[in-house]
Amino acid sequence: MAQGPWFYCLKHHTVETRDGCAERHRLGPYDTREEAEHALQGVAERNERLDQEDREWEGR
C-alpha cells in the first residue's frame, strides 16, 4: 500500500502520492488519502467562510 503524503490532482481529479503530477496541478500535501479525497470540499468550505468574513467586514 502506498504511503503519504497525499495530494489531490486538479488536472486529473485523482488522489496521488508524491510521484504524481507537477506541483502546480495539485493541492496538498495531506497526511491521509481520505483527507486528499476531500480536498475540494475543504477548499469550498474555506472559500465560503472567507467570503462570509469579507461580507461582514464590508458591512453587507
C-alpha atoms as a PDB file:
ATOM      1  CA  MET A   1       0.000   0.000   0.000  1.00  0.00           C
ATOM      2  CA  ALA A   2       1.299   3.445  -0.916  1.00  0.00           C
ATOM      3  CA  GLN A   3       2.380   5.767   1.848  1.00  0.00           C
ATOM      4  CA  GLY A   4       1.708   9.506   2.032  1.00  0.00           C
ATOM      5  CA  PRO A   5       1.999  12.334   1.802  1.00  0.00           C
ATOM      6  CA  TRP A   6      -1.064  12.533  -0.393  1.00  0.00           C
ATOM      7  CA  PHE A   7      -2.098  15.133  -2.962  1.00  0.00           C
ATOM      8  CA  TYR A   8      -5.253  15.916  -4.937  1.00  0.00           C
ATOM      9  CA  CYS A   9      -4.550  16.410  -8.647  1.00  0.00           C
ATOM     10  CA  LEU A  10      -6.682  19.203 -10.122  1.00  0.00           C
ATOM     11  CA  LYS A  11      -5.785  18.134 -13.665  1.00  0.00           C
ATOM     12  CA  HIS A  12      -6.934  14.503 -13.366  1.00  0.00           C
ATOM     13  CA  HIS A  13      -9.299  14.782 -10.368  1.00  0.00           C
ATOM     14  CA  THR A  14      -7.477  11.974  -8.598  1.00  0.00           C
ATOM     15  CA  VAL A  15      -5.563  11.378  -5.393  1.00  0.00           C
ATOM     16  CA  GLU A  16      -1.834  10.898  -5.902  1.00  0.00           C
ATOM     17  CA  THR A  17       1.335  10.288  -3.966  1.00  0.00           C
ATOM     18  CA  ARG A  18       4.449  12.444  -4.201  1.00  0.00           C
ATOM     19  CA  ASP A  19       5.324  10.906  -7.595  1.00  0.00           C
ATOM     20  CA  GLY A  20       2.194  12.279  -9.274  1.00  0.00           C
ATOM     21  CA  CYS A  21       1.665  15.365 -11.399  1.00  0.00           C
ATOM     22  CA  ALA A  22       3.539  18.641 -11.180  1.00  0.00           C
ATOM     23  CA  GLU A  23       3.006  20.734  -8.050  1.00  0.00           C
ATOM     24  CA  ARG A  24       1.119  23.412  -9.991  1.00  0.00           C
ATOM     25  CA  HIS A  25      -1.679  20.902 -10.623  1.00  0.00           C
ATOM     26  CA  ARG A  26      -2.040  19.686  -7.039  1.00  0.00           C
ATOM     27  CA  LEU A  27      -3.488  20.523  -3.654  1.00  0.00           C
ATOM     28  CA  GLY A  28      -1.700  19.261  -0.585  1.00  0.00           C
ATOM     29  CA  PRO A  29       0.153  17.615   0.915  1.00  0.00           C
ATOM     30  CA  TYR A  30      -2.337  15.809   3.133  1.00  0.00           C
ATOM     31  CA  ASP A  31      -1.492  13.295   5.836  1.00  0.00           C
ATOM     32  CA  THR A  32      -4.054  10.728   4.705  1.00  0.00           C
ATOM     33  CA  ARG A  33      -5.577   9.583   1.436  1.00  0.00           C
ATOM     34  CA  GLU A  34      -9.028  10.376   2.843  1.00  0.00           C
ATOM     35  CA  GLU A  35      -8.054  14.000   3.528  1.00  0.00           C
ATOM     36  CA  ALA A  36      -6.818  14.330  -0.062  1.00  0.00           C
ATOM     37  CA  GLU A  37     -10.049  12.787  -1.393  1.00  0.00           C
ATOM     38  CA  HIS A  38     -11.987  15.599   0.314  1.00  0.00           C
ATOM     39  CA  ALA A  39      -9.626  18.397  -0.758  1.00  0.00           C
ATOM     40  CA  LEU A  40     -12.142  20.210  -2.957  1.00  0.00           C
ATOM     41  CA  GLN A  41     -14.760  20.104  -0.224  1.00  0.00           C
ATOM     42  CA  GLY A  42     -12.280  21.710   2.163  1.00  0.00           C
ATOM     43  CA  VAL A  43     -11.457  24.416  -0.374  1.00  0.00           C
ATOM     44  CA  ALA A  44     -15.155  25.171  -0.931  1.00  0.00           C
ATOM     45  CA  GLU A  45     -15.797  25.381   2.815  1.00  0.00           C
ATOM     46  CA  ARG A  46     -12.826  27.711   3.362  1.00  0.00           C
ATOM     47  CA  ASN A  47     -13.862  29.909   0.439  1.00  0.00           C
ATOM     48  CA  GLU A  48     -17.403  30.214   1.767  1.00  0.00           C
ATOM     49  CA  ARG A  49     -16.125  31.073   5.244  1.00  0.00           C
ATOM     50  CA  LEU A  50     -13.755  33.707   3.853  1.00  0.00           C
ATOM     51  CA  ASP A  51     -16.473  35.147   1.597  1.00  0.00           C
ATOM     52  CA  GLN A  52     -18.721  35.465   4.651  1.00  0.00           C
ATOM     53  CA  GLU A  53     -15.936  37.214   6.576  1.00  0.00           C
ATOM     54  CA  ASP A  54     -15.496  39.625   3.646  1.00  0.00           C
ATOM     55  CA  ARG A  55     -19.233  40.374   3.590  1.00  0.00           C
ATOM     56  CA  GLU A  56     -19.191  41.059   7.332  1.00  0.00           C
ATOM     57  CA  TRP A  57     -16.097  43.256   7.002  1.00  0.00           C
ATOM     58  CA  GLU A  58     -17.744  45.247   4.208  1.00  0.00           C
ATOM     59  CA  GLY A  59     -20.998  45.557   6.169  1.00  0.00           C
ATOM     60  CA  ARG A  60     -23.165  43.583   3.739  1.00  0.00           C
END
